[in-house]
Amino acid sequence: MSPGELDFLIDVWAFDVTGKKVHPYKGVRGDKKGLFSVNFTNDTKRFQGMTEDQLVAAINAGKFKDRGSIRMLPIGVKPGSDRNAYSPVFYQGKRVKEIA
């Protein structure tokens, strides 16, 4: 991975308002550096850092069935968009709301 390039979790995705596929990405600085930013509340300031294993476990446990979002971007896009939190729709081709 080159400097400034994001590390994406391609097994999880949703779609932005234009229909472009977005994937969770690892933070590149701050207290969530190297972690995925996840929120299970309606408070947009309550994101917590999760490892890939923790995020996948949360998906498999059904944590995103009713509520939850992950910071996601299209592959190849640099961070900077404030409105980049999406509820995950698919994990490994399965609908997230139908898992667990």
N, C-alpha and C. Protein backbone atom coordinates (compact mmCIF):
# COMPACT_ATOMS: atom_id res chain seq x y z
N MET A 1 0.85 -1.18 0.00
CA MET A 1 0.00 0.00 0.00
C MET A 1 0.89 1.24 0.00
N SER A 2 0.65 2.13 -0.92
CA SER A 2 1.47 3.34 -1.00
C SER A 2 0.98 4.38 0.00
N PRO A 3 1.83 5.36 0.34
CA PRO A 3 1.42 6.40 1.28
C PRO A 3 0.16 7.11 0.79
N GLY A 4 -0.78 7.33 1.67
CA GLY A 4 -2.02 8.02 1.31
C GLY A 4 -3.08 7.10 0.75
N GLU A 5 -2.73 5.84 0.46
CA GLU A 5 -3.70 4.90 -0.07
C GLU A 5 -4.44 4.25 1.10
N LEU A 6 -5.75 4.12 0.96
CA LEU A 6 -6.55 3.54 2.02
C LEU A 6 -6.56 2.02 1.94
N ASP A 7 -6.73 1.41 3.09
CA ASP A 7 -6.85 -0.04 3.19
C ASP A 7 -8.34 -0.35 3.35
N PHE A 8 -8.94 -0.97 2.32
CA PHE A 8 -10.37 -1.24 2.29
C PHE A 8 -10.69 -2.68 2.66
N LEU A 9 -11.89 -2.88 3.19
CA LEU A 9 -12.43 -4.21 3.44
C LEU A 9 -13.44 -4.46 2.32
N ILE A 10 -13.01 -5.16 1.28
CA ILE A 10 -13.85 -5.30 0.09
C ILE A 10 -15.00 -6.30 0.25
N ASP A 11 -14.97 -7.12 1.30
CA ASP A 11 -16.05 -8.08 1.53
C ASP A 11 -17.33 -7.41 2.03
N VAL A 12 -17.23 -6.15 2.46
CA VAL A 12 -18.39 -5.41 2.97
C VAL A 12 -18.62 -4.23 2.04
N TRP A 13 -19.89 -4.01 1.66
CA TRP A 13 -20.16 -2.85 0.82
C TRP A 13 -21.59 -2.36 0.95
N ALA A 14 -21.74 -1.12 0.47
CA ALA A 14 -23.04 -0.45 0.37
C ALA A 14 -22.95 0.38 -0.91
N PHE A 15 -23.91 1.27 -1.12
CA PHE A 15 -23.90 2.12 -2.30
C PHE A 15 -24.15 3.56 -1.87
N ASP A 16 -23.40 4.50 -2.48
CA ASP A 16 -23.62 5.91 -2.16
C ASP A 16 -24.83 6.42 -2.94
N VAL A 17 -25.13 7.71 -2.81
CA VAL A 17 -26.33 8.27 -3.44
C VAL A 17 -26.28 8.21 -4.97
N THR A 18 -25.10 8.07 -5.54
CA THR A 18 -24.98 7.98 -7.00
C THR A 18 -24.99 6.54 -7.48
N GLY A 19 -25.06 5.60 -6.54
CA GLY A 19 -25.07 4.18 -6.90
C GLY A 19 -23.70 3.55 -6.95
N LYS A 20 -22.67 4.32 -6.59
CA LYS A 20 -21.30 3.80 -6.59
C LYS A 20 -21.08 2.93 -5.36
N LYS A 21 -20.41 1.80 -5.54
CA LYS A 21 -20.13 0.88 -4.44
C LYS A 21 -19.10 1.51 -3.51
N VAL A 22 -19.37 1.44 -2.20
CA VAL A 22 -18.46 1.96 -1.18
C VAL A 22 -18.11 0.83 -0.22
N HIS A 23 -16.89 0.89 0.32
CA HIS A 23 -16.38 -0.14 1.22
C HIS A 23 -15.79 0.51 2.47
N PRO A 24 -15.82 -0.20 3.60
CA PRO A 24 -15.17 0.32 4.80
C PRO A 24 -13.66 0.50 4.56
N TYR A 25 -13.10 1.53 5.16
CA TYR A 25 -11.67 1.77 5.05
C TYR A 25 -11.08 2.01 6.44
N LYS A 26 -9.81 1.66 6.57
CA LYS A 26 -9.12 1.87 7.85
C LYS A 26 -8.69 3.32 7.97
N GLY A 27 -8.80 3.84 9.19
CA GLY A 27 -8.35 5.19 9.46
C GLY A 27 -6.85 5.34 9.24
N VAL A 28 -6.43 6.52 8.86
CA VAL A 28 -5.02 6.74 8.56
C VAL A 28 -4.32 7.62 9.60
N ARG A 29 -5.10 8.17 10.55
CA ARG A 29 -4.48 8.99 11.61
C ARG A 29 -5.42 9.06 12.81
N GLY A 30 -4.91 9.59 13.89
CA GLY A 30 -5.72 9.75 15.10
C GLY A 30 -5.89 8.45 15.87
N ASP A 31 -6.86 8.47 16.78
CA ASP A 31 -7.05 7.32 17.66
C ASP A 31 -7.65 6.10 16.95
N LYS A 32 -8.15 6.27 15.74
CA LYS A 32 -8.68 5.14 14.98
C LYS A 32 -7.77 4.73 13.82
N LYS A 33 -6.53 5.14 13.88
CA LYS A 33 -5.57 4.78 12.84
C LYS A 33 -5.46 3.25 12.77
N GLY A 34 -5.63 2.70 11.57
CA GLY A 34 -5.55 1.27 11.36
C GLY A 34 -6.81 0.51 11.73
N LEU A 35 -7.86 1.24 12.11
CA LEU A 35 -9.12 0.63 12.51
C LEU A 35 -10.26 1.15 11.63
N PHE A 36 -11.34 0.39 11.59
CA PHE A 36 -12.54 0.81 10.88
C PHE A 36 -13.41 1.61 11.85
N SER A 37 -14.02 2.70 11.39
CA SER A 37 -14.87 3.55 12.23
C SER A 37 -16.31 3.07 12.13
N VAL A 38 -16.85 2.67 13.27
CA VAL A 38 -18.17 2.06 13.34
C VAL A 38 -19.02 2.78 14.38
N ASN A 39 -20.31 2.90 14.11
CA ASN A 39 -21.23 3.58 15.01
C ASN A 39 -22.52 2.77 15.09
N PHE A 40 -22.96 2.46 16.30
CA PHE A 40 -24.22 1.73 16.49
C PHE A 40 -25.31 2.62 17.09
N THR A 41 -25.11 3.94 17.06
CA THR A 41 -26.09 4.88 17.61
C THR A 41 -26.51 5.87 16.53
N ASN A 42 -27.41 6.76 16.87
CA ASN A 42 -27.80 7.83 15.95
C ASN A 42 -26.90 9.05 16.12
N ASP A 43 -26.01 9.02 17.07
CA ASP A 43 -25.10 10.14 17.35
C ASP A 43 -23.90 10.03 16.42
N THR A 44 -23.78 10.95 15.49
CA THR A 44 -22.71 10.89 14.49
C THR A 44 -21.32 11.15 15.06
N LYS A 45 -21.24 11.51 16.32
CA LYS A 45 -19.93 11.75 16.95
C LYS A 45 -19.49 10.55 17.78
N ARG A 46 -20.20 9.45 17.73
CA ARG A 46 -19.91 8.29 18.56
C ARG A 46 -19.34 7.12 17.76
N PHE A 47 -18.41 7.38 16.90
CA PHE A 47 -17.77 6.30 16.15
C PHE A 47 -16.68 5.67 17.01
N GLN A 48 -16.58 4.36 16.94
CA GLN A 48 -15.54 3.64 17.67
C GLN A 48 -14.69 2.88 16.66
N GLY A 49 -13.45 2.66 17.02
CA GLY A 49 -12.54 1.90 16.16
C GLY A 49 -12.71 0.41 16.35
N MET A 50 -12.71 -0.33 15.24
CA MET A 50 -12.80 -1.79 15.30
C MET A 50 -11.80 -2.40 14.34
N THR A 51 -11.25 -3.53 14.73
CA THR A 51 -10.39 -4.29 13.83
C THR A 51 -11.29 -4.98 12.81
N GLU A 52 -10.67 -5.55 11.79
CA GLU A 52 -11.44 -6.30 10.79
C GLU A 52 -12.18 -7.46 11.45
N ASP A 53 -11.50 -8.19 12.33
CA ASP A 53 -12.15 -9.32 13.01
C ASP A 53 -13.34 -8.87 13.85
N GLN A 54 -13.20 -7.75 14.56
CA GLN A 54 -14.30 -7.24 15.37
C GLN A 54 -15.48 -6.80 14.51
N LEU A 55 -15.18 -6.16 13.38
CA LEU A 55 -16.23 -5.69 12.48
C LEU A 55 -16.98 -6.87 11.87
N VAL A 56 -16.26 -7.86 11.40
CA VAL A 56 -16.89 -9.05 10.83
C VAL A 56 -17.72 -9.78 11.89
N ALA A 57 -17.20 -9.87 13.11
CA ALA A 57 -17.95 -10.52 14.20
C ALA A 57 -19.24 -9.75 14.48
N ALA A 58 -19.19 -8.43 14.46
CA ALA A 58 -20.39 -7.62 14.68
C ALA A 58 -21.42 -7.84 13.58
N ILE A 59 -20.96 -7.93 12.34
CA ILE A 59 -21.88 -8.21 11.23
C ILE A 59 -22.51 -9.58 11.41
N ASN A 60 -21.69 -10.59 11.70
CA ASN A 60 -22.20 -11.95 11.86
C ASN A 60 -23.10 -12.11 13.08
N ALA A 61 -22.95 -11.25 14.07
CA ALA A 61 -23.79 -11.28 15.26
C ALA A 61 -25.11 -10.53 15.05
N GLY A 62 -25.28 -9.93 13.88
CA GLY A 62 -26.53 -9.21 13.59
C GLY A 62 -26.58 -7.80 14.13
N LYS A 63 -25.44 -7.23 14.49
CA LYS A 63 -25.41 -5.88 15.08
C LYS A 63 -25.90 -4.79 14.13
N PHE A 64 -25.88 -5.03 12.82
CA PHE A 64 -26.28 -4.01 11.85
C PHE A 64 -27.69 -4.23 11.31
N LYS A 65 -28.45 -5.15 11.91
CA LYS A 65 -29.80 -5.43 11.42
C LYS A 65 -30.72 -4.23 11.57
N ASP A 66 -30.66 -3.53 12.69
CA ASP A 66 -31.58 -2.43 12.95
C ASP A 66 -30.92 -1.05 12.87
N ARG A 67 -29.66 -0.98 13.19
CA ARG A 67 -28.97 0.31 13.27
C ARG A 67 -27.48 0.08 13.14
N GLY A 68 -26.79 1.08 12.68
CA GLY A 68 -25.34 1.01 12.61
C GLY A 68 -24.81 1.51 11.29
N SER A 69 -23.65 2.11 11.35
CA SER A 69 -23.01 2.60 10.13
C SER A 69 -21.49 2.45 10.26
N ILE A 70 -20.87 2.47 9.10
CA ILE A 70 -19.41 2.33 9.00
C ILE A 70 -18.93 3.42 8.06
N ARG A 71 -17.79 4.01 8.35
CA ARG A 71 -17.20 4.97 7.42
C ARG A 71 -16.76 4.20 6.17
N MET A 72 -17.30 4.59 5.00
CA MET A 72 -17.00 3.90 3.76
C MET A 72 -16.79 4.90 2.63
N LEU A 73 -15.97 4.50 1.66
CA LEU A 73 -15.71 5.29 0.47
C LEU A 73 -15.56 4.36 -0.72
N PRO A 74 -15.71 4.91 -1.95
CA PRO A 74 -15.38 4.10 -3.12
C PRO A 74 -13.88 3.81 -3.15
N ILE A 75 -13.51 2.66 -3.66
CA ILE A 75 -12.08 2.33 -3.77
C ILE A 75 -11.40 3.35 -4.67
N GLY A 76 -10.23 3.80 -4.25
CA GLY A 76 -9.47 4.78 -5.02
C GLY A 76 -9.73 6.21 -4.63
N VAL A 77 -10.69 6.46 -3.75
CA VAL A 77 -11.01 7.81 -3.30
C VAL A 77 -10.27 8.09 -1.99
N LYS A 78 -9.74 9.29 -1.86
CA LYS A 78 -9.05 9.67 -0.64
C LYS A 78 -10.05 10.17 0.39
N PRO A 79 -9.75 9.98 1.68
CA PRO A 79 -10.67 10.47 2.72
C PRO A 79 -10.78 11.98 2.68
N GLY A 80 -11.86 12.48 3.24
CA GLY A 80 -12.07 13.92 3.28
C GLY A 80 -13.55 14.26 3.23
N SER A 81 -14.35 13.33 2.75
CA SER A 81 -15.78 13.55 2.72
C SER A 81 -16.34 13.37 4.12
N ASP A 82 -17.04 14.38 4.62
CA ASP A 82 -17.62 14.29 5.95
C ASP A 82 -18.79 13.32 5.99
N ARG A 83 -19.51 13.22 4.93
CA ARG A 83 -20.71 12.38 4.89
C ARG A 83 -20.39 11.06 4.22
N ASN A 84 -19.65 10.24 4.93
CA ASN A 84 -19.25 8.97 4.34
C ASN A 84 -19.57 7.78 5.24
N ALA A 85 -20.61 7.91 6.06
CA ALA A 85 -21.02 6.80 6.92
C ALA A 85 -22.24 6.14 6.29
N TYR A 86 -22.13 4.83 6.09
CA TYR A 86 -23.20 4.07 5.45
C TYR A 86 -23.51 2.84 6.28
N SER A 87 -24.75 2.44 6.22
CA SER A 87 -25.14 1.18 6.81
C SER A 87 -24.71 0.08 5.83
N PRO A 88 -23.99 -0.93 6.30
CA PRO A 88 -23.54 -1.96 5.37
C PRO A 88 -24.73 -2.73 4.80
N VAL A 89 -24.69 -3.00 3.50
CA VAL A 89 -25.79 -3.71 2.84
C VAL A 89 -25.42 -5.17 2.58
N PHE A 90 -24.16 -5.39 2.18
CA PHE A 90 -23.73 -6.75 1.85
C PHE A 90 -22.44 -7.12 2.56
N TYR A 91 -22.32 -8.39 2.93
CA TYR A 91 -21.09 -8.98 3.43
C TYR A 91 -20.90 -10.30 2.68
N GLN A 92 -19.84 -10.41 1.95
CA GLN A 92 -19.52 -11.58 1.13
C GLN A 92 -20.71 -11.98 0.26
N GLY A 93 -21.40 -10.99 -0.29
CA GLY A 93 -22.51 -11.23 -1.20
C GLY A 93 -23.84 -11.53 -0.54
N LYS A 94 -23.86 -11.62 0.79
CA LYS A 94 -25.11 -11.87 1.53
C LYS A 94 -25.63 -10.55 2.10
N ARG A 95 -26.94 -10.40 2.11
CA ARG A 95 -27.53 -9.19 2.69
C ARG A 95 -27.27 -9.16 4.20
N VAL A 96 -26.71 -8.09 4.69
CA VAL A 96 -26.34 -7.96 6.10
C VAL A 96 -27.56 -8.13 7.02
N LYS A 97 -28.69 -7.61 6.63
CA LYS A 97 -29.89 -7.70 7.47
C LYS A 97 -30.44 -9.12 7.57
N GLU A 98 -29.95 -10.03 6.74
CA GLU A 98 -30.40 -11.43 6.78
C GLU A 98 -29.40 -12.35 7.46
N ILE A 99 -28.29 -11.79 7.93
CA ILE A 99 -27.26 -12.58 8.61
C ILE A 99 -27.58 -12.66 10.10
N ALA A 100 -27.37 -13.82 10.68
CA ALA A 100 -27.56 -14.10 12.12
C ALA A 100 -28.99 -14.13 12.57
